Amino acid sequence: MRSWTTRHWLWAAAAAVVTAVVTGTTPVLIPNPVFTRMVEAPWWTYPVWIASAVLSGLLIATYAADRSSAEHRQSERRSITGAVLSFLAVGSRRATSWWSSHWAPMARSPGSAPCSQY
């Protein structure tokens, strides 16, 4: 990171802010009118949320600031797709329940009991 230019640091800061907003909205770490939280978030949620945003920003900056080849851009698209899918798999309760209701029946072995969604 010593060789990073201003462009790298700007990308890192912008990506960290966007990551924090996107990942903090659904679990209501950032209060908003769209989602509600019935139980208060544990104290450790906030430091983990901020650390994840900062590390994600640094990672995204390594991909976004250097746009040199088509192969690199394809790798970048795969990384972004993976990040979005991991957010939906872990961060979004609605997406998780949708995912389990649509894909869990296919993953079950024949004759086994159905999976609980809660």
N, C-alpha and C. Protein backbone atom coordinates (compact mmCIF):
# COMPACT_ATOMS: atom_id res chain seq x y z
N MET A 1 0.83 -1.20 0.00
CA MET A 1 0.00 0.00 0.00
C MET A 1 0.87 1.26 0.00
N ARG A 2 2.15 1.08 0.24
CA ARG A 2 3.04 2.25 0.19
C ARG A 2 3.13 2.83 -1.20
N SER A 3 2.93 1.99 -2.21
CA SER A 3 3.03 2.48 -3.59
C SER A 3 1.69 2.97 -4.14
N TRP A 4 0.68 3.02 -3.32
CA TRP A 4 -0.63 3.46 -3.79
C TRP A 4 -0.62 4.94 -4.11
N THR A 5 -1.39 5.26 -5.14
CA THR A 5 -1.55 6.67 -5.53
C THR A 5 -2.80 7.23 -4.86
N THR A 6 -3.04 8.50 -5.10
CA THR A 6 -4.25 9.14 -4.57
C THR A 6 -5.50 8.45 -5.09
N ARG A 7 -5.43 8.00 -6.33
CA ARG A 7 -6.57 7.30 -6.93
C ARG A 7 -6.93 6.04 -6.12
N HIS A 8 -5.94 5.28 -5.69
CA HIS A 8 -6.19 4.10 -4.88
C HIS A 8 -6.91 4.47 -3.58
N TRP A 9 -6.40 5.49 -2.90
CA TRP A 9 -6.98 5.88 -1.61
C TRP A 9 -8.39 6.44 -1.76
N LEU A 10 -8.64 7.16 -2.84
CA LEU A 10 -10.00 7.66 -3.08
C LEU A 10 -10.97 6.50 -3.35
N TRP A 11 -10.52 5.52 -4.13
CA TRP A 11 -11.34 4.34 -4.37
C TRP A 11 -11.61 3.60 -3.07
N ALA A 12 -10.57 3.46 -2.24
CA ALA A 12 -10.73 2.74 -0.97
C ALA A 12 -11.74 3.45 -0.07
N ALA A 13 -11.65 4.77 0.03
CA ALA A 13 -12.57 5.53 0.88
C ALA A 13 -14.00 5.44 0.36
N ALA A 14 -14.17 5.64 -0.95
CA ALA A 14 -15.52 5.59 -1.53
C ALA A 14 -16.12 4.20 -1.40
N ALA A 15 -15.33 3.17 -1.66
CA ALA A 15 -15.83 1.80 -1.56
C ALA A 15 -16.17 1.44 -0.12
N ALA A 16 -15.40 1.93 0.84
CA ALA A 16 -15.68 1.66 2.25
C ALA A 16 -17.00 2.30 2.66
N VAL A 17 -17.24 3.53 2.22
CA VAL A 17 -18.49 4.21 2.56
C VAL A 17 -19.68 3.49 1.93
N VAL A 18 -19.57 3.14 0.66
CA VAL A 18 -20.67 2.45 -0.02
C VAL A 18 -20.93 1.09 0.64
N THR A 19 -19.87 0.37 0.95
CA THR A 19 -20.02 -0.93 1.61
C THR A 19 -20.69 -0.78 2.97
N ALA A 20 -20.29 0.24 3.73
CA ALA A 20 -20.90 0.47 5.05
C ALA A 20 -22.38 0.78 4.92
N VAL A 21 -22.74 1.61 3.96
CA VAL A 21 -24.16 1.97 3.79
C VAL A 21 -24.97 0.76 3.33
N VAL A 22 -24.45 0.03 2.36
CA VAL A 22 -25.20 -1.12 1.83
C VAL A 22 -25.35 -2.22 2.89
N THR A 23 -24.26 -2.54 3.60
CA THR A 23 -24.34 -3.61 4.58
C THR A 23 -24.95 -3.18 5.90
N GLY A 24 -25.01 -1.88 6.16
CA GLY A 24 -25.60 -1.41 7.40
C GLY A 24 -27.08 -1.09 7.33
N THR A 25 -27.61 -1.01 6.13
CA THR A 25 -29.02 -0.66 5.97
C THR A 25 -29.95 -1.83 6.28
N THR A 26 -29.68 -2.99 5.72
CA THR A 26 -30.56 -4.14 5.89
C THR A 26 -30.67 -4.62 7.33
N PRO A 27 -29.55 -4.77 8.06
CA PRO A 27 -29.69 -5.20 9.46
C PRO A 27 -29.99 -4.04 10.42
N VAL A 28 -30.29 -2.88 9.86
CA VAL A 28 -30.68 -1.66 10.60
C VAL A 28 -29.58 -1.21 11.56
N LEU A 29 -28.35 -1.32 11.14
CA LEU A 29 -27.27 -0.68 11.89
C LEU A 29 -27.31 0.82 11.61
N ILE A 30 -27.83 1.16 10.43
CA ILE A 30 -28.13 2.55 10.08
C ILE A 30 -29.66 2.65 10.11
N PRO A 31 -30.23 3.43 11.03
CA PRO A 31 -31.70 3.53 11.09
C PRO A 31 -32.27 4.02 9.75
N ASN A 32 -33.34 3.36 9.32
CA ASN A 32 -33.97 3.73 8.05
C ASN A 32 -35.43 3.32 8.09
N PRO A 33 -36.26 3.92 7.22
CA PRO A 33 -37.69 3.63 7.24
C PRO A 33 -38.08 2.33 6.53
N VAL A 34 -37.16 1.71 5.80
CA VAL A 34 -37.49 0.53 5.02
C VAL A 34 -37.44 -0.74 5.87
N PHE A 35 -36.41 -0.88 6.69
CA PHE A 35 -36.23 -2.08 7.50
C PHE A 35 -36.37 -1.74 8.98
N THR A 36 -36.86 -2.69 9.75
CA THR A 36 -36.99 -2.50 11.20
C THR A 36 -36.26 -3.63 11.90
N ARG A 37 -35.86 -3.36 13.13
CA ARG A 37 -35.16 -4.36 13.93
C ARG A 37 -35.94 -4.54 15.22
N MET A 38 -36.33 -5.77 15.51
CA MET A 38 -37.10 -6.06 16.71
C MET A 38 -36.23 -6.12 17.96
N VAL A 39 -35.00 -6.62 17.81
CA VAL A 39 -34.08 -6.79 18.92
C VAL A 39 -32.86 -5.91 18.66
N GLU A 40 -32.36 -5.27 19.69
CA GLU A 40 -31.19 -4.41 19.55
C GLU A 40 -29.98 -5.24 19.09
N ALA A 41 -29.17 -4.66 18.23
CA ALA A 41 -27.97 -5.35 17.74
C ALA A 41 -26.96 -5.49 18.87
N PRO A 42 -26.24 -6.61 18.92
CA PRO A 42 -25.21 -6.77 19.96
C PRO A 42 -24.13 -5.71 19.82
N TRP A 43 -23.41 -5.43 20.90
CA TRP A 43 -22.40 -4.37 20.89
C TRP A 43 -21.30 -4.62 19.88
N TRP A 44 -20.95 -5.88 19.64
CA TRP A 44 -19.83 -6.20 18.77
C TRP A 44 -20.18 -6.06 17.29
N THR A 45 -21.45 -5.89 16.97
CA THR A 45 -21.87 -5.76 15.58
C THR A 45 -21.27 -4.53 14.92
N TYR A 46 -21.22 -3.44 15.65
CA TYR A 46 -20.75 -2.17 15.08
C TYR A 46 -19.26 -2.19 14.73
N PRO A 47 -18.37 -2.64 15.63
CA PRO A 47 -16.95 -2.71 15.23
C PRO A 47 -16.70 -3.68 14.06
N VAL A 48 -17.42 -4.80 14.05
CA VAL A 48 -17.25 -5.76 12.96
C VAL A 48 -17.75 -5.16 11.65
N TRP A 49 -18.85 -4.44 11.70
CA TRP A 49 -19.42 -3.78 10.52
C TRP A 49 -18.43 -2.77 9.95
N ILE A 50 -17.86 -1.93 10.80
CA ILE A 50 -16.92 -0.91 10.33
C ILE A 50 -15.64 -1.56 9.81
N ALA A 51 -15.11 -2.56 10.52
CA ALA A 51 -13.89 -3.25 10.06
C ALA A 51 -14.13 -3.92 8.70
N SER A 52 -15.30 -4.52 8.52
CA SER A 52 -15.63 -5.15 7.25
C SER A 52 -15.70 -4.12 6.12
N ALA A 53 -16.27 -2.98 6.41
CA ALA A 53 -16.37 -1.93 5.39
C ALA A 53 -14.99 -1.41 5.00
N VAL A 54 -14.13 -1.18 6.00
CA VAL A 54 -12.77 -0.68 5.71
C VAL A 54 -11.98 -1.71 4.90
N LEU A 55 -12.01 -2.97 5.32
CA LEU A 55 -11.27 -4.00 4.60
C LEU A 55 -11.83 -4.22 3.19
N SER A 56 -13.14 -4.14 3.06
CA SER A 56 -13.73 -4.26 1.72
C SER A 56 -13.31 -3.10 0.84
N GLY A 57 -13.27 -1.90 1.41
CA GLY A 57 -12.82 -0.74 0.65
C GLY A 57 -11.40 -0.89 0.15
N LEU A 58 -10.53 -1.39 1.02
CA LEU A 58 -9.14 -1.61 0.61
C LEU A 58 -9.05 -2.67 -0.49
N LEU A 59 -9.82 -3.73 -0.35
CA LEU A 59 -9.81 -4.78 -1.36
C LEU A 59 -10.34 -4.27 -2.70
N ILE A 60 -11.44 -3.56 -2.66
CA ILE A 60 -12.03 -3.04 -3.90
C ILE A 60 -11.07 -2.07 -4.58
N ALA A 61 -10.35 -1.28 -3.78
CA ALA A 61 -9.39 -0.33 -4.36
C ALA A 61 -8.28 -1.04 -5.13
N THR A 62 -7.89 -2.22 -4.69
CA THR A 62 -6.84 -2.94 -5.41
C THR A 62 -7.31 -3.37 -6.80
N TYR A 63 -8.61 -3.60 -6.94
CA TYR A 63 -9.15 -3.98 -8.24
C TYR A 63 -9.54 -2.77 -9.09
N ALA A 64 -10.18 -1.80 -8.48
CA ALA A 64 -10.78 -0.71 -9.23
C ALA A 64 -9.77 0.34 -9.69
N ALA A 65 -8.72 0.58 -8.95
CA ALA A 65 -7.79 1.65 -9.30
C ALA A 65 -6.88 1.26 -10.46
N ASP A 66 -6.62 0.00 -10.65
CA ASP A 66 -5.77 -0.47 -11.75
C ASP A 66 -6.63 -1.13 -12.81
N ARG A 67 -6.88 -0.43 -13.87
CA ARG A 67 -7.68 -0.98 -14.97
C ARG A 67 -6.78 -1.11 -16.18
N SER A 68 -6.08 -2.25 -16.25
CA SER A 68 -5.08 -2.37 -17.30
C SER A 68 -5.45 -3.36 -18.41
N SER A 69 -6.09 -4.46 -18.07
CA SER A 69 -6.33 -5.47 -19.09
C SER A 69 -7.76 -5.99 -19.02
N ALA A 70 -8.18 -6.62 -20.10
CA ALA A 70 -9.52 -7.21 -20.15
C ALA A 70 -9.63 -8.37 -19.17
N GLU A 71 -8.55 -9.11 -19.00
CA GLU A 71 -8.55 -10.22 -18.05
C GLU A 71 -8.75 -9.70 -16.62
N HIS A 72 -8.13 -8.58 -16.33
CA HIS A 72 -8.27 -7.97 -15.00
C HIS A 72 -9.72 -7.51 -14.77
N ARG A 73 -10.33 -6.94 -15.80
CA ARG A 73 -11.73 -6.49 -15.68
C ARG A 73 -12.68 -7.66 -15.47
N GLN A 74 -12.41 -8.79 -16.13
CA GLN A 74 -13.25 -9.97 -15.94
C GLN A 74 -13.09 -10.49 -14.51
N SER A 75 -11.89 -10.48 -13.99
CA SER A 75 -11.66 -10.89 -12.61
C SER A 75 -12.38 -9.96 -11.64
N GLU A 76 -12.39 -8.68 -11.97
CA GLU A 76 -13.09 -7.69 -11.14
C GLU A 76 -14.58 -7.96 -11.12
N ARG A 77 -15.17 -8.26 -12.27
CA ARG A 77 -16.60 -8.57 -12.32
C ARG A 77 -16.94 -9.79 -11.48
N ARG A 78 -16.09 -10.80 -11.54
CA ARG A 78 -16.31 -12.00 -10.73
C ARG A 78 -16.24 -11.68 -9.24
N SER A 79 -15.30 -10.83 -8.87
CA SER A 79 -15.16 -10.46 -7.46
C SER A 79 -16.38 -9.70 -6.97
N ILE A 80 -16.86 -8.78 -7.77
CA ILE A 80 -18.05 -7.99 -7.39
C ILE A 80 -19.27 -8.90 -7.30
N THR A 81 -19.40 -9.81 -8.25
CA THR A 81 -20.52 -10.75 -8.21
C THR A 81 -20.45 -11.61 -6.95
N GLY A 82 -19.27 -12.08 -6.61
CA GLY A 82 -19.10 -12.87 -5.40
C GLY A 82 -19.44 -12.09 -4.15
N ALA A 83 -19.06 -10.81 -4.11
CA ALA A 83 -19.36 -9.97 -2.95
C ALA A 83 -20.86 -9.75 -2.81
N VAL A 84 -21.54 -9.50 -3.92
CA VAL A 84 -23.00 -9.30 -3.88
C VAL A 84 -23.71 -10.58 -3.44
N LEU A 85 -23.30 -11.71 -3.97
CA LEU A 85 -23.93 -12.97 -3.59
C LEU A 85 -23.66 -13.32 -2.12
N SER A 86 -22.46 -13.01 -1.63
CA SER A 86 -22.19 -13.29 -0.22
C SER A 86 -23.00 -12.38 0.68
N PHE A 87 -23.20 -11.12 0.26
CA PHE A 87 -24.05 -10.22 1.04
C PHE A 87 -25.48 -10.76 1.10
N LEU A 88 -26.00 -11.19 -0.03
CA LEU A 88 -27.36 -11.71 -0.06
C LEU A 88 -27.49 -12.99 0.75
N ALA A 89 -26.44 -13.80 0.75
CA ALA A 89 -26.49 -15.06 1.48
C ALA A 89 -26.43 -14.85 2.99
N VAL A 90 -25.71 -13.86 3.43
CA VAL A 90 -25.48 -13.69 4.86
C VAL A 90 -26.19 -12.47 5.43
N GLY A 91 -26.15 -11.35 4.72
CA GLY A 91 -26.60 -10.09 5.28
C GLY A 91 -28.08 -9.81 5.20
N SER A 92 -28.77 -10.44 4.30
CA SER A 92 -30.17 -10.11 4.09
C SER A 92 -31.07 -11.26 4.54
N ARG A 93 -31.86 -11.01 5.55
CA ARG A 93 -32.75 -12.04 6.06
C ARG A 93 -33.78 -12.45 5.01
N ARG A 94 -34.30 -11.49 4.26
CA ARG A 94 -35.30 -11.80 3.24
C ARG A 94 -34.70 -12.65 2.12
N ALA A 95 -33.48 -12.28 1.69
CA ALA A 95 -32.84 -13.06 0.64
C ALA A 95 -32.51 -14.46 1.12
N THR A 96 -32.11 -14.58 2.38
CA THR A 96 -31.80 -15.89 2.93
C THR A 96 -33.04 -16.77 2.97
N SER A 97 -34.17 -16.21 3.39
CA SER A 97 -35.39 -17.02 3.44
C SER A 97 -35.85 -17.38 2.03
N TRP A 98 -35.69 -16.45 1.06
CA TRP A 98 -36.03 -16.78 -0.32
C TRP A 98 -35.13 -17.89 -0.82
N TRP A 99 -33.83 -17.74 -0.57
CA TRP A 99 -32.85 -18.72 -1.04
C TRP A 99 -33.16 -20.10 -0.46
N SER A 100 -33.43 -20.16 0.85
CA SER A 100 -33.68 -21.46 1.47
C SER A 100 -35.00 -22.07 0.99
N SER A 101 -36.00 -21.25 0.72
CA SER A 101 -37.28 -21.80 0.28
C SER A 101 -37.22 -22.31 -1.16
N HIS A 102 -36.32 -21.71 -1.98
CA HIS A 102 -36.23 -22.14 -3.38
C HIS A 102 -35.17 -23.20 -3.63
N TRP A 103 -34.05 -23.16 -2.89
CA TRP A 103 -32.96 -24.06 -3.18
C TRP A 103 -32.84 -25.20 -2.17
N ALA A 104 -33.29 -25.02 -0.94
CA ALA A 104 -33.16 -26.08 0.06
C ALA A 104 -33.92 -27.35 -0.34
N PRO A 105 -35.12 -27.23 -0.93
CA PRO A 105 -35.80 -28.47 -1.33
C PRO A 105 -35.01 -29.29 -2.35
N MET A 106 -34.23 -28.63 -3.20
CA MET A 106 -33.43 -29.36 -4.19
C MET A 106 -32.22 -30.02 -3.55
N ALA A 107 -31.71 -29.43 -2.47
CA ALA A 107 -30.51 -29.96 -1.82
C ALA A 107 -30.83 -31.12 -0.89
N ARG A 108 -32.09 -31.26 -0.52
CA ARG A 108 -32.49 -32.33 0.39
C ARG A 108 -32.40 -33.68 -0.29
N SER A 109 -31.97 -34.67 0.45
CA SER A 109 -31.94 -36.02 -0.11
C SER A 109 -33.36 -36.60 -0.06
N PRO A 110 -33.67 -37.48 -1.00
CA PRO A 110 -35.02 -38.07 -1.02
C PRO A 110 -35.33 -38.80 0.29
N GLY A 111 -36.52 -38.57 0.82
CA GLY A 111 -36.96 -39.23 2.03
C GLY A 111 -36.56 -38.53 3.31
N SER A 112 -35.84 -37.40 3.22
CA SER A 112 -35.44 -36.69 4.44
C SER A 112 -36.51 -35.69 4.83
N ALA A 113 -36.45 -35.24 6.06
CA ALA A 113 -37.43 -34.29 6.57
C ALA A 113 -37.18 -32.91 5.97
N PRO A 114 -38.25 -32.10 5.81
CA PRO A 114 -38.05 -30.76 5.27
C PRO A 114 -37.25 -29.88 6.23
N CYS A 115 -36.56 -28.88 5.67
CA CYS A 115 -35.74 -27.96 6.46
C CYS A 115 -36.64 -26.88 7.06
N SER A 116 -36.31 -26.45 8.25
CA SER A 116 -37.02 -25.34 8.88
C SER A 116 -36.43 -24.03 8.37
N GLN A 117 -37.27 -23.05 8.12
CA GLN A 117 -36.78 -21.75 7.66
C GLN A 117 -36.46 -20.81 8.81
N TYR A 118 -36.70 -21.20 10.04
CA TYR A 118 -36.46 -20.31 11.16
C TYR A 118 -35.51 -20.92 12.14
